Amino acid sequence: QQSNNNLQQYQQGQQGQEQENGQEGQ
């Protein structure tokens, strides 16, 4: 599910995670 060939799928999940976690590095 985290294969580099499934880039779009991962990116969608990443966007949701970033919104949930807040800004990276804090």
PDB file of all heavy atoms in Angstrom:
ATOM      1  N   GLN A   1       0.813  -1.213   0.000  1.00  0.00           N
ATOM      2  CA  GLN A   1       0.000   0.000   0.000  1.00  0.00           C
ATOM      3  C   GLN A   1       0.844   1.258   0.000  1.00  0.00           C
ATOM      4  O   GLN A   1       0.335   2.351  -0.250  1.00  0.00           O
ATOM      5  CB  GLN A   1      -0.958   0.032   1.201  1.00  0.00           C
ATOM      6  CG  GLN A   1      -0.294   0.160   2.569  1.00  0.00           C
ATOM      7  CD  GLN A   1       0.024  -1.193   3.158  1.00  0.00           C
ATOM      8  OE1 GLN A   1       0.187  -2.183   2.458  1.00  0.00           O
ATOM      9  NE2 GLN A   1       0.120  -1.239   4.479  1.00  0.00           N
ATOM     10  N   GLN A   2       2.141   1.126   0.301  1.00  0.00           N
ATOM     11  CA  GLN A   2       3.030   2.265   0.275  1.00  0.00           C
ATOM     12  C   GLN A   2       4.028   2.156  -0.863  1.00  0.00           C
ATOM     13  O   GLN A   2       5.058   2.804  -0.864  1.00  0.00           O
ATOM     14  CB  GLN A   2       3.765   2.408   1.605  1.00  0.00           C
ATOM     15  CG  GLN A   2       2.827   2.734   2.747  1.00  0.00           C
ATOM     16  CD  GLN A   2       3.475   2.713   4.083  1.00  0.00           C
ATOM     17  OE1 GLN A   2       4.605   2.352   4.203  1.00  0.00           O
ATOM     18  NE2 GLN A   2       2.756   3.108   5.102  1.00  0.00           N
ATOM     19  N   SER A   3       3.726   1.317  -1.828  1.00  0.00           N
ATOM     20  CA  SER A   3       4.577   1.154  -2.998  1.00  0.00           C
ATOM     21  C   SER A   3       4.720   2.463  -3.731  1.00  0.00           C
ATOM     22  O   SER A   3       3.804   3.258  -3.846  1.00  0.00           O
ATOM     23  CB  SER A   3       4.005   0.094  -3.934  1.00  0.00           C
ATOM     24  OG  SER A   3       4.646   0.123  -5.193  1.00  0.00           O
ATOM     25  N   ASN A   4       5.901   2.695  -4.265  1.00  0.00           N
ATOM     26  CA  ASN A   4       6.139   3.908  -5.024  1.00  0.00           C
ATOM     27  C   ASN A   4       5.355   3.956  -6.324  1.00  0.00           C
ATOM     28  O   ASN A   4       5.196   5.009  -6.923  1.00  0.00           O
ATOM     29  CB  ASN A   4       7.628   4.034  -5.335  1.00  0.00           C
ATOM     30  CG  ASN A   4       8.446   4.111  -4.079  1.00  0.00           C
ATOM     31  OD1 ASN A   4       8.068   4.793  -3.154  1.00  0.00           O
ATOM     32  ND2 ASN A   4       9.554   3.403  -4.039  1.00  0.00           N
ATOM     33  N   ASN A   5       4.831   2.818  -6.751  1.00  0.00           N
ATOM     34  CA  ASN A   5       4.009   2.785  -7.935  1.00  0.00           C
ATOM     35  C   ASN A   5       2.589   3.239  -7.657  1.00  0.00           C
ATOM     36  O   ASN A   5       1.796   3.453  -8.558  1.00  0.00           O
ATOM     37  CB  ASN A   5       3.992   1.379  -8.539  1.00  0.00           C
ATOM     38  CG  ASN A   5       5.359   0.973  -9.056  1.00  0.00           C
ATOM     39  OD1 ASN A   5       5.999   1.720  -9.773  1.00  0.00           O
ATOM     40  ND2 ASN A   5       5.801  -0.191  -8.670  1.00  0.00           N
ATOM     41  N   ASN A   6       2.244   3.399  -6.382  1.00  0.00           N
ATOM     42  CA  ASN A   6       0.932   3.880  -5.985  1.00  0.00           C
ATOM     43  C   ASN A   6       1.040   5.282  -5.418  1.00  0.00           C
ATOM     44  O   ASN A   6       0.526   5.606  -4.361  1.00  0.00           O
ATOM     45  CB  ASN A   6       0.308   2.937  -4.949  1.00  0.00           C
ATOM     46  CG  ASN A   6       0.050   1.564  -5.515  1.00  0.00           C
ATOM     47  OD1 ASN A   6      -0.247   1.422  -6.707  1.00  0.00           O
ATOM     48  ND2 ASN A   6       0.174   0.544  -4.701  1.00  0.00           N
ATOM     49  N   LEU A   7       1.757   6.143  -6.149  1.00  0.00           N
ATOM     50  CA  LEU A   7       2.077   7.475  -5.659  1.00  0.00           C
ATOM     51  C   LEU A   7       0.837   8.286  -5.339  1.00  0.00           C
ATOM     52  O   LEU A   7       0.740   8.919  -4.287  1.00  0.00           O
ATOM     53  CB  LEU A   7       2.937   8.212  -6.686  1.00  0.00           C
ATOM     54  CG  LEU A   7       3.296   9.668  -6.374  1.00  0.00           C
ATOM     55  CD1 LEU A   7       4.045   9.752  -5.070  1.00  0.00           C
ATOM     56  CD2 LEU A   7       4.126  10.240  -7.514  1.00  0.00           C
ATOM     57  N   GLN A   8      -0.145   8.278  -6.241  1.00  0.00           N
ATOM     58  CA  GLN A   8      -1.328   9.098  -6.044  1.00  0.00           C
ATOM     59  C   GLN A   8      -2.089   8.692  -4.794  1.00  0.00           C
ATOM     60  O   GLN A   8      -2.529   9.527  -4.007  1.00  0.00           O
ATOM     61  CB  GLN A   8      -2.245   9.020  -7.261  1.00  0.00           C
ATOM     62  CG  GLN A   8      -3.444   9.960  -7.177  1.00  0.00           C
ATOM     63  CD  GLN A   8      -4.295   9.924  -8.427  1.00  0.00           C
ATOM     64  OE1 GLN A   8      -4.063   9.121  -9.315  1.00  0.00           O
ATOM     65  NE2 GLN A   8      -5.303  10.778  -8.500  1.00  0.00           N
ATOM     66  N   GLN A   9      -2.226   7.381  -4.601  1.00  0.00           N
ATOM     67  CA  GLN A   9      -2.926   6.878  -3.430  1.00  0.00           C
ATOM     68  C   GLN A   9      -2.243   7.336  -2.145  1.00  0.00           C
ATOM     69  O   GLN A   9      -2.892   7.766  -1.187  1.00  0.00           O
ATOM     70  CB  GLN A   9      -2.989   5.353  -3.474  1.00  0.00           C
ATOM     71  CG  GLN A   9      -3.681   4.729  -2.273  1.00  0.00           C
ATOM     72  CD  GLN A   9      -3.678   3.217  -2.350  1.00  0.00           C
ATOM     73  OE1 GLN A   9      -3.289   2.633  -3.349  1.00  0.00           O
ATOM     74  NE2 GLN A   9      -4.104   2.572  -1.311  1.00  0.00           N
ATOM     75  N   TYR A  10      -0.924   7.271  -2.124  1.00  0.00           N
ATOM     76  CA  TYR A  10      -0.193   7.678  -0.942  1.00  0.00           C
ATOM     77  C   TYR A  10      -0.326   9.176  -0.684  1.00  0.00           C
ATOM     78  O   TYR A  10      -0.506   9.617   0.446  1.00  0.00           O
ATOM     79  CB  TYR A  10       1.280   7.308  -1.028  1.00  0.00           C
ATOM     80  CG  TYR A  10       2.037   7.793   0.185  1.00  0.00           C
ATOM     81  CD1 TYR A  10       1.977   7.105   1.369  1.00  0.00           C
ATOM     82  CD2 TYR A  10       2.736   8.989   0.145  1.00  0.00           C
ATOM     83  CE1 TYR A  10       2.607   7.588   2.500  1.00  0.00           C
ATOM     84  CE2 TYR A  10       3.380   9.465   1.264  1.00  0.00           C
ATOM     85  CZ  TYR A  10       3.306   8.762   2.438  1.00  0.00           C
ATOM     86  OH  TYR A  10       3.925   9.245   3.551  1.00  0.00           O
ATOM     87  N   GLN A  11      -0.224   9.970  -1.754  1.00  0.00           N
ATOM     88  CA  GLN A  11      -0.296  11.407  -1.608  1.00  0.00           C
ATOM     89  C   GLN A  11      -1.623  11.848  -0.997  1.00  0.00           C
ATOM     90  O   GLN A  11      -1.677  12.736  -0.164  1.00  0.00           O
ATOM     91  CB  GLN A  11      -0.089  12.095  -2.957  1.00  0.00           C
ATOM     92  CG  GLN A  11       1.335  12.017  -3.461  1.00  0.00           C
ATOM     93  CD  GLN A  11       1.445  12.402  -4.909  1.00  0.00           C
ATOM     94  OE1 GLN A  11       0.470  12.455  -5.619  1.00  0.00           O
ATOM     95  NE2 GLN A  11       2.659  12.661  -5.344  1.00  0.00           N
ATOM     96  N   GLN A  12      -2.733  11.206  -1.426  1.00  0.00           N
ATOM     97  CA  GLN A  12      -4.028  11.537  -0.871  1.00  0.00           C
ATOM     98  C   GLN A  12      -4.068  11.252   0.625  1.00  0.00           C
ATOM     99  O   GLN A  12      -4.565  12.048   1.411  1.00  0.00           O
ATOM    100  CB  GLN A  12      -5.119  10.761  -1.601  1.00  0.00           C
ATOM    101  CG  GLN A  12      -5.300  11.188  -3.051  1.00  0.00           C
ATOM    102  CD  GLN A  12      -6.220  10.290  -3.827  1.00  0.00           C
ATOM    103  OE1 GLN A  12      -6.559   9.201  -3.381  1.00  0.00           O
ATOM    104  NE2 GLN A  12      -6.629  10.724  -5.011  1.00  0.00           N
ATOM    105  N   GLY A  13      -3.491  10.109   1.017  1.00  0.00           N
ATOM    106  CA  GLY A  13      -3.433   9.781   2.423  1.00  0.00           C
ATOM    107  C   GLY A  13      -2.526  10.715   3.201  1.00  0.00           C
ATOM    108  O   GLY A  13      -2.800  11.069   4.343  1.00  0.00           O
ATOM    109  N   GLN A  14      -1.422  11.131   2.554  1.00  0.00           N
ATOM    110  CA  GLN A  14      -0.481  12.044   3.167  1.00  0.00           C
ATOM    111  C   GLN A  14      -1.116  13.397   3.454  1.00  0.00           C
ATOM    112  O   GLN A  14      -0.929  13.985   4.508  1.00  0.00           O
ATOM    113  CB  GLN A  14       0.760  12.216   2.281  1.00  0.00           C
ATOM    114  CG  GLN A  14       1.751  13.268   2.766  1.00  0.00           C
ATOM    115  CD  GLN A  14       2.403  12.925   4.074  1.00  0.00           C
ATOM    116  OE1 GLN A  14       2.364  11.783   4.475  1.00  0.00           O
ATOM    117  NE2 GLN A  14       2.969  13.887   4.748  1.00  0.00           N
ATOM    118  N   GLN A  15      -1.893  13.909   2.512  1.00  0.00           N
ATOM    119  CA  GLN A  15      -2.543  15.194   2.701  1.00  0.00           C
ATOM    120  C   GLN A  15      -3.460  15.180   3.908  1.00  0.00           C
ATOM    121  O   GLN A  15      -3.475  16.097   4.710  1.00  0.00           O
ATOM    122  CB  GLN A  15      -3.305  15.578   1.439  1.00  0.00           C
ATOM    123  CG  GLN A  15      -2.397  15.894   0.256  1.00  0.00           C
ATOM    124  CD  GLN A  15      -3.163  16.048  -1.034  1.00  0.00           C
ATOM    125  OE1 GLN A  15      -4.375  15.873  -1.076  1.00  0.00           O
ATOM    126  NE2 GLN A  15      -2.462  16.362  -2.120  1.00  0.00           N
ATOM    127  N   GLY A  16      -4.213  14.095   4.044  1.00  0.00           N
ATOM    128  CA  GLY A  16      -5.101  13.972   5.188  1.00  0.00           C
ATOM    129  C   GLY A  16      -4.343  13.890   6.494  1.00  0.00           C
ATOM    130  O   GLY A  16      -4.735  14.467   7.510  1.00  0.00           O
ATOM    131  N   GLN A  17      -3.202  13.173   6.479  1.00  0.00           N
ATOM    132  CA  GLN A  17      -2.396  13.027   7.678  1.00  0.00           C
ATOM    133  C   GLN A  17      -1.777  14.353   8.086  1.00  0.00           C
ATOM    134  O   GLN A  17      -1.704  14.682   9.264  1.00  0.00           O
ATOM    135  CB  GLN A  17      -1.293  11.969   7.457  1.00  0.00           C
ATOM    136  CG  GLN A  17      -0.526  11.614   8.720  1.00  0.00           C
ATOM    137  CD  GLN A  17      -1.410  10.933   9.734  1.00  0.00           C
ATOM    138  OE1 GLN A  17      -2.041   9.922   9.464  1.00  0.00           O
ATOM    139  NE2 GLN A  17      -1.464  11.507  10.931  1.00  0.00           N
ATOM    140  N   GLU A  18      -1.303  15.142   7.092  1.00  0.00           N
ATOM    141  CA  GLU A  18      -0.715  16.430   7.395  1.00  0.00           C
ATOM    142  C   GLU A  18      -1.724  17.372   8.043  1.00  0.00           C
ATOM    143  O   GLU A  18      -1.406  18.109   8.961  1.00  0.00           O
ATOM    144  CB  GLU A  18      -0.141  17.050   6.123  1.00  0.00           C
ATOM    145  CG  GLU A  18       1.120  16.353   5.627  1.00  0.00           C
ATOM    146  CD  GLU A  18       1.597  16.898   4.310  1.00  0.00           C
ATOM    147  OE1 GLU A  18       0.852  17.693   3.713  1.00  0.00           O
ATOM    148  OE2 GLU A  18       2.696  16.515   3.868  1.00  0.00           O
ATOM    149  N   GLN A  19      -2.975  17.330   7.576  1.00  0.00           N
ATOM    150  CA  GLN A  19      -4.010  18.160   8.159  1.00  0.00           C
ATOM    151  C   GLN A  19      -4.290  17.741   9.593  1.00  0.00           C
ATOM    152  O   GLN A  19      -4.540  18.557  10.468  1.00  0.00           O
ATOM    153  CB  GLN A  19      -5.278  18.082   7.324  1.00  0.00           C
ATOM    154  CG  GLN A  19      -5.130  18.707   5.938  1.00  0.00           C
ATOM    155  CD  GLN A  19      -6.336  18.497   5.063  1.00  0.00           C
ATOM    156  OE1 GLN A  19      -7.288  17.837   5.457  1.00  0.00           O
ATOM    157  NE2 GLN A  19      -6.330  19.046   3.857  1.00  0.00           N
ATOM    158  N   GLU A  20      -4.214  16.452   9.828  1.00  0.00           N
ATOM    159  CA  GLU A  20      -4.481  15.926  11.166  1.00  0.00           C
ATOM    160  C   GLU A  20      -3.355  16.260  12.130  1.00  0.00           C
ATOM    161  O   GLU A  20      -3.584  16.639  13.286  1.00  0.00           O
ATOM    162  CB  GLU A  20      -4.648  14.408  11.086  1.00  0.00           C
ATOM    163  CG  GLU A  20      -4.935  13.746  12.423  1.00  0.00           C
ATOM    164  CD  GLU A  20      -5.069  12.243  12.279  1.00  0.00           C
ATOM    165  OE1 GLU A  20      -5.442  11.778  11.198  1.00  0.00           O
ATOM    166  OE2 GLU A  20      -4.797  11.524  13.260  1.00  0.00           O
ATOM    167  N   ASN A  21      -2.089  16.152  11.659  1.00  0.00           N
ATOM    168  CA  ASN A  21      -0.948  16.324  12.539  1.00  0.00           C
ATOM    169  C   ASN A  21      -0.522  17.772  12.713  1.00  0.00           C
ATOM    170  O   ASN A  21       0.159  18.110  13.660  1.00  0.00           O
ATOM    171  CB  ASN A  21       0.261  15.519  12.013  1.00  0.00           C
ATOM    172  CG  ASN A  21       0.082  14.039  12.205  1.00  0.00           C
ATOM    173  OD1 ASN A  21      -0.756  13.608  12.983  1.00  0.00           O
ATOM    174  ND2 ASN A  21       0.881  13.256  11.502  1.00  0.00           N
ATOM    175  N   GLY A  22      -0.875  18.636  11.793  1.00  0.00           N
ATOM    176  CA  GLY A  22      -0.376  19.999  11.847  1.00  0.00           C
ATOM    177  C   GLY A  22       0.925  20.121  11.105  1.00  0.00           C
ATOM    178  O   GLY A  22       1.371  19.229  10.420  1.00  0.00           O
ATOM    179  N   GLN A  23       1.586  21.266  11.247  1.00  0.00           N
ATOM    180  CA  GLN A  23       2.789  21.548  10.506  1.00  0.00           C
ATOM    181  C   GLN A  23       3.934  20.658  10.942  1.00  0.00           C
ATOM    182  O   GLN A  23       4.205  20.466  12.114  1.00  0.00           O
ATOM    183  CB  GLN A  23       3.184  23.014  10.672  1.00  0.00           C
ATOM    184  CG  GLN A  23       4.346  23.442   9.798  1.00  0.00           C
ATOM    185  CD  GLN A  23       4.654  24.898   9.945  1.00  0.00           C
ATOM    186  OE1 GLN A  23       3.982  25.605  10.688  1.00  0.00           O
ATOM    187  NE2 GLN A  23       5.680  25.368   9.250  1.00  0.00           N
ATOM    188  N   GLU A  24       4.662  20.135   9.942  1.00  0.00           N
ATOM    189  CA  GLU A  24       5.798  19.264  10.201  1.00  0.00           C
ATOM    190  C   GLU A  24       6.900  20.017  10.927  1.00  0.00           C
ATOM    191  O   GLU A  24       7.189  21.172  10.658  1.00  0.00           O
ATOM    192  CB  GLU A  24       6.336  18.749   8.859  1.00  0.00           C
ATOM    193  CG  GLU A  24       7.007  17.451   8.910  1.00  0.00           C
ATOM    194  CD  GLU A  24       7.380  16.945   7.543  1.00  0.00           C
ATOM    195  OE1 GLU A  24       8.232  17.518   6.933  1.00  0.00           O
ATOM    196  OE2 GLU A  24       6.833  15.992   7.087  1.00  0.00           O
ATOM    197  N   GLY A  25       7.506  19.334  11.894  1.00  0.00           N
ATOM    198  CA  GLY A  25       8.648  19.904  12.591  1.00  0.00           C
ATOM    199  C   GLY A  25       8.319  20.546  13.923  1.00  0.00           C
ATOM    200  O   GLY A  25       9.220  20.895  14.674  1.00  0.00           O
ATOM    201  N   GLN A  26       7.073  20.763  14.254  1.00  0.00           N
ATOM    202  CA  GLN A  26       6.706  21.341  15.524  1.00  0.00           C
ATOM    203  C   GLN A  26       6.803  20.313  16.639  1.00  0.00           C
ATOM    204  O   GLN A  26       6.633  19.123  16.425  1.00  0.00           O
ATOM    205  CB  GLN A  26       5.294  21.912  15.470  1.00  0.00           C
ATOM    206  CG  GLN A  26       5.155  23.114  14.566  1.00  0.00           C
ATOM    207  CD  GLN A  26       3.779  23.705  14.602  1.00  0.00           C
ATOM    208  OE1 GLN A  26       2.864  23.134  15.174  1.00  0.00           O
ATOM    209  NE2 GLN A  26       3.603  24.864  13.998  1.00  0.00           N
TER     210      GLN A  26
END
